[in-house]
C-alpha cells in the first residue's frame, strides 16, 4: 500500500474526471472512434470516413459495412442462426454476403454504373473495401469528394434498405427508381447540413462536380 501512495501529493482543488484518449483530457466521440478503429480494424486498412453531411445512422451503417457486421444471411448463418436459405434475396445468383449485395449483385452493378456515369468518374471498384473508399480514389477536387462520398454512403444505405424490403415486405419494391432515390436523398442530406450548398436540381443531376465546386 505504501508504494501505491508514495508519489501521491494531496491538494485542495476538487476532484475532476479526465479522459486519457485525447491530449486535452476531454472526452470526444472522435477520440473514442479512433480507439475503436485502431483495436478492431486491421492495421493496413484506413480508418472509416465519417461524413458530417450525413445522418449518424448512415455513417454507422457504413462503419458496420466496413467491418462486415451487417446481418446478411451469410453472417447470420455463421453465427448459428437457422435460415431457410443463404442465397441473395435480390437476385438468387449468389450467397447473401456484403460483397455480393453491394458489389456483385446485378441490381448493385446497375446502380453503381449509373452513379459512375452521373459523376463522370472511372468505373467503380470491384471490391467492397475500395468501393467504400471510392471518393478517396477518384481525381476530383476536395469539395466534390465530400459530396461524392455522401452519394456513395447514401447508395449503400439505399441498396441495403432495398434488400431488406425484399426480405420483409409482401409487396416487392421498385428497383427502377433506386438511382433517383439516391440523387434525391443525398442532395437532401447535404442541403440540410450545409447552408452554403444550394444548387438547382438541374445542376445536381447534370454535373454534380461543378455544382459542388461552385456552391461549396
Protein backbone atom coordinates (compact mmCIF):
# COMPACT_ATOMS: atom_id res chain seq x y z
CA UNK A 1 0.00 0.00 0.00
CA UNK A 2 2.86 2.34 0.76
CA UNK A 3 4.17 2.01 -2.80
CA UNK A 4 0.75 2.98 -4.21
CA UNK A 5 0.60 6.31 -2.41
CA UNK A 6 4.31 7.06 -2.36
CA UNK A 7 4.09 9.68 -5.14
CA UNK A 8 0.64 11.00 -4.22
CA UNK A 9 0.53 14.71 -3.39
CA UNK A 10 -2.74 15.91 -1.78
CA UNK A 11 -4.21 19.25 -2.80
CA UNK A 12 -7.27 21.39 -2.02
CA UNK A 13 -8.79 21.59 -5.54
CA UNK A 14 -11.93 19.49 -6.21
CA UNK A 15 -11.67 16.13 -7.92
CA UNK A 16 -12.47 16.04 -11.65
CA UNK A 17 -12.89 13.44 -14.36
CA UNK A 18 -10.34 13.30 -17.18
CA UNK A 19 -10.22 11.23 -20.36
CA UNK A 20 -6.85 9.84 -21.44
CA UNK A 21 -7.92 9.26 -25.06
CA UNK A 22 -7.10 12.85 -26.04
CA UNK A 23 -4.34 15.28 -25.09
CA UNK A 24 -7.00 17.77 -23.98
CA UNK A 25 -8.12 15.24 -21.32
CA UNK A 26 -11.69 15.81 -22.52
CA UNK A 27 -13.99 13.09 -23.78
CA UNK A 28 -14.59 13.31 -27.54
CA UNK A 29 -16.56 10.94 -29.76
CA UNK A 30 -13.88 11.22 -32.45
CA UNK A 31 -11.20 10.06 -29.97
CA UNK A 32 -13.26 7.06 -28.95
CA UNK A 33 -13.93 6.20 -32.60
CA UNK A 34 -10.20 6.30 -33.38
CA UNK A 35 -9.55 3.96 -30.46
CA UNK A 36 -12.23 1.51 -31.63
CA UNK A 37 -10.95 1.67 -35.21
CA UNK A 38 -7.41 1.01 -34.01
CA UNK A 39 -8.46 -2.01 -31.96
CA UNK A 40 -10.92 -3.57 -34.42
CA UNK A 41 -9.62 -2.76 -37.90
CA UNK A 42 -6.61 -4.36 -39.50
CA UNK A 43 -3.54 -2.13 -39.30
CA UNK A 44 -3.19 -1.83 -43.08
CA UNK A 45 -6.78 -0.65 -43.52
CA UNK A 46 -7.57 3.05 -43.36
CA UNK A 47 -9.99 4.42 -40.80
CA UNK A 48 -13.65 4.69 -41.70
CA UNK A 49 -14.61 8.04 -43.22
CA UNK A 50 -17.12 9.93 -41.06
CA UNK A 51 -19.13 12.28 -43.28
CA UNK A 52 -20.67 15.15 -41.32
CA UNK A 53 -23.16 15.90 -44.11
CA UNK A 54 -24.90 12.57 -43.48
CA UNK A 55 -27.12 11.43 -40.60
CA UNK A 56 -25.36 9.45 -37.89
CA UNK A 57 -27.34 6.32 -38.79
CA UNK A 58 -25.86 6.34 -42.30
CA UNK A 59 -22.30 6.75 -41.02
CA UNK A 60 -22.88 3.90 -38.57
CA UNK A 61 -24.27 1.77 -41.39
CA UNK A 62 -21.11 2.39 -43.43
CA UNK A 63 -18.97 1.57 -40.41
CA UNK A 64 -20.81 -1.72 -39.94
CA UNK A 65 -20.45 -2.48 -43.63
CA UNK A 66 -16.71 -1.74 -43.49
CA UNK A 67 -16.34 -4.19 -40.60
CA UNK A 68 -18.65 -6.74 -42.27
CA UNK A 69 -21.08 -6.59 -39.34
CA UNK A 70 -24.33 -6.21 -41.28
CA UNK A 71 -26.83 -9.05 -40.68
CA UNK A 72 -26.58 -10.63 -44.10
CA UNK A 73 -27.84 -14.18 -44.40
CA UNK A 74 -24.26 -15.42 -44.57
CA UNK A 75 -23.27 -13.60 -41.37
CA UNK A 76 -26.37 -14.85 -39.58
CA UNK A 77 -25.70 -18.41 -40.72
CA UNK A 78 -22.10 -18.49 -39.45
CA UNK A 79 -23.42 -17.23 -36.11
CA UNK A 80 -25.64 -20.27 -35.82
CA UNK A 81 -28.98 -18.76 -36.81
CA UNK A 82 -31.05 -21.27 -38.76
CA UNK A 83 -32.26 -19.86 -42.08
CA UNK A 84 -34.26 -21.35 -44.94
CA UNK A 85 -31.67 -20.07 -47.43
CA UNK A 86 -28.41 -18.12 -47.55
CA UNK A 87 -28.96 -17.08 -51.18
CA UNK A 88 -29.21 -13.41 -52.16
CA UNK A 89 -32.86 -12.35 -51.74
CA UNK A 90 -32.49 -9.88 -54.62
CA UNK A 91 -31.11 -11.95 -57.49
CA UNK A 92 -30.74 -15.50 -56.08
CA UNK A 93 -27.47 -15.80 -58.01
CA UNK A 94 -25.06 -15.92 -55.09
CA UNK A 95 -24.64 -16.17 -51.33
CA UNK A 96 -26.03 -13.21 -49.40
CA UNK A 97 -22.70 -11.71 -48.30
CA UNK A 98 -21.98 -8.00 -48.00
CA UNK A 99 -19.67 -8.15 -51.01
CA UNK A 100 -22.39 -9.78 -53.10
CA UNK A 101 -25.18 -7.41 -52.03
CA UNK A 102 -23.16 -4.24 -52.63
CA UNK A 103 -20.77 -5.27 -55.41
CA UNK A 104 -21.67 -8.45 -57.31
CA UNK A 105 -25.48 -8.46 -57.32
CA UNK A 106 -26.94 -7.48 -60.68
CA UNK A 107 -29.00 -4.67 -59.12
CA UNK A 108 -25.92 -3.24 -57.36
CA UNK A 109 -23.90 -3.40 -60.58
CA UNK A 110 -26.55 -1.44 -62.45
CA UNK A 111 -26.82 1.18 -59.72
CA UNK A 112 -23.06 1.73 -59.46
CA UNK A 113 -22.77 2.01 -63.25
CA UNK A 114 -25.39 4.77 -63.13
CA UNK A 115 -23.57 6.55 -60.29
CA UNK A 116 -20.31 6.34 -62.25
CA UNK A 117 -21.94 7.84 -65.34
CA UNK A 118 -23.73 10.53 -63.33
CA UNK A 119 -20.49 11.72 -61.68
CA UNK A 120 -18.39 11.13 -64.80
CA UNK A 121 -15.76 9.13 -62.91
CA UNK A 122 -13.98 5.88 -63.65
CA UNK A 123 -15.71 2.56 -63.22
CA UNK A 124 -16.39 1.76 -59.58
CA UNK A 125 -14.06 -0.58 -57.65
CA UNK A 126 -14.93 -4.26 -57.75
CA UNK A 127 -14.19 -4.95 -54.08
CA UNK A 128 -16.13 -3.71 -51.08
CA UNK A 129 -13.33 -2.00 -49.14
CA UNK A 130 -12.26 0.16 -52.08
CA UNK A 131 -15.87 0.80 -53.03
CA UNK A 132 -16.45 2.39 -49.62
CA UNK A 133 -13.27 4.47 -50.14
CA UNK A 134 -14.12 5.30 -53.76
CA UNK A 135 -14.22 9.05 -53.07
CA UNK A 136 -10.57 8.94 -52.00
CA UNK A 137 -9.56 7.13 -55.19
CA UNK A 138 -11.11 9.44 -57.80
CA UNK A 139 -9.36 12.51 -59.20
CA UNK A 140 -11.80 15.26 -58.24
CA UNK A 141 -11.44 18.37 -56.08
CA UNK A 142 -11.74 18.20 -52.30
CA UNK A 143 -15.17 19.85 -52.21
CA UNK A 144 -16.61 17.36 -54.65
CA UNK A 145 -15.01 14.43 -52.78
CA UNK A 146 -17.11 15.10 -49.67
CA UNK A 147 -20.31 15.17 -51.73
CA UNK A 148 -19.31 12.11 -53.74
CA UNK A 149 -18.63 10.23 -50.51
CA UNK A 150 -22.10 11.26 -49.32
CA UNK A 151 -23.52 9.80 -52.54
CA UNK A 152 -21.57 6.55 -52.05
CA UNK A 153 -22.78 6.13 -48.48
CA UNK A 154 -26.33 7.03 -49.49
CA UNK A 155 -26.13 4.39 -52.23
CA UNK A 156 -25.10 1.63 -49.82
CA UNK A 157 -27.90 2.77 -47.48
CA UNK A 158 -30.49 2.62 -50.28
CA UNK A 159 -29.24 -0.77 -51.53
CA UNK A 160 -29.41 -2.25 -48.03
CA UNK A 161 -32.90 -0.84 -47.50
CA UNK A 162 -33.98 -2.27 -50.87
CA UNK A 163 -32.59 -5.67 -49.93
CA UNK A 164 -34.40 -5.63 -46.57
CA UNK A 165 -37.69 -4.62 -48.16
CA UNK A 166 -37.46 -7.62 -50.45
CA UNK A 167 -36.86 -9.82 -47.40
CA UNK A 168 -39.59 -8.47 -45.16
CA UNK A 169 -42.30 -6.79 -47.23
CA UNK A 170 -45.03 -8.66 -49.08
CA UNK A 171 -45.08 -6.18 -51.93
CA UNK A 172 -41.81 -6.14 -53.90
CA UNK A 173 -40.16 -2.67 -54.08
CA UNK A 174 -39.37 -0.96 -57.36
CA UNK A 175 -35.77 -1.16 -58.50
CA UNK A 176 -36.12 1.27 -61.40
CA UNK A 177 -36.33 4.23 -59.00
CA UNK A 178 -33.25 3.40 -56.90
CA UNK A 179 -30.87 5.82 -58.64
CA UNK A 180 -33.44 8.63 -58.49
CA UNK A 181 -33.88 7.96 -54.76
CA UNK A 182 -30.12 8.20 -54.29
CA UNK A 183 -29.96 11.52 -56.15
CA UNK A 184 -32.82 12.99 -54.14
CA UNK A 185 -31.83 11.70 -50.71
CA UNK A 186 -28.12 12.54 -50.99
CA UNK A 187 -28.94 16.09 -52.11
CA UNK A 188 -31.47 16.48 -49.30
CA UNK A 189 -28.97 15.38 -46.65
CA UNK A 190 -26.19 17.62 -47.98
CA UNK A 191 -28.52 20.64 -48.21
CA UNK A 192 -29.86 20.05 -44.73
CA UNK A 193 -26.39 20.22 -43.17
CA UNK A 194 -24.68 22.80 -45.36
CA UNK A 195 -26.38 26.14 -45.88
CA UNK A 196 -23.75 27.27 -48.41
CA UNK A 197 -24.68 24.43 -50.75
CA UNK A 198 -27.70 25.47 -52.79
CA UNK A 199 -27.53 24.17 -56.36
CA UNK A 200 -30.60 23.71 -58.51
CA UNK A 201 -31.90 20.22 -59.13
CA UNK A 202 -30.77 20.51 -62.75
CA UNK A 203 -27.22 21.45 -61.66
CA UNK A 204 -27.12 18.49 -59.27
CA UNK A 205 -28.25 15.83 -61.72
CA UNK A 206 -26.45 17.20 -64.79
CA UNK A 207 -23.00 17.98 -63.38
CA UNK A 208 -22.63 17.34 -59.65
CA UNK A 209 -18.87 18.01 -59.57
CA UNK A 210 -19.35 21.52 -60.95
CA UNK A 211 -22.28 22.07 -58.60
CA UNK A 212 -20.14 21.14 -55.57
CA UNK A 213 -17.24 23.29 -56.73
CA UNK A 214 -19.47 26.29 -57.39
CA UNK A 215 -21.58 26.30 -54.24
CA UNK A 216 -19.26 24.93 -51.55
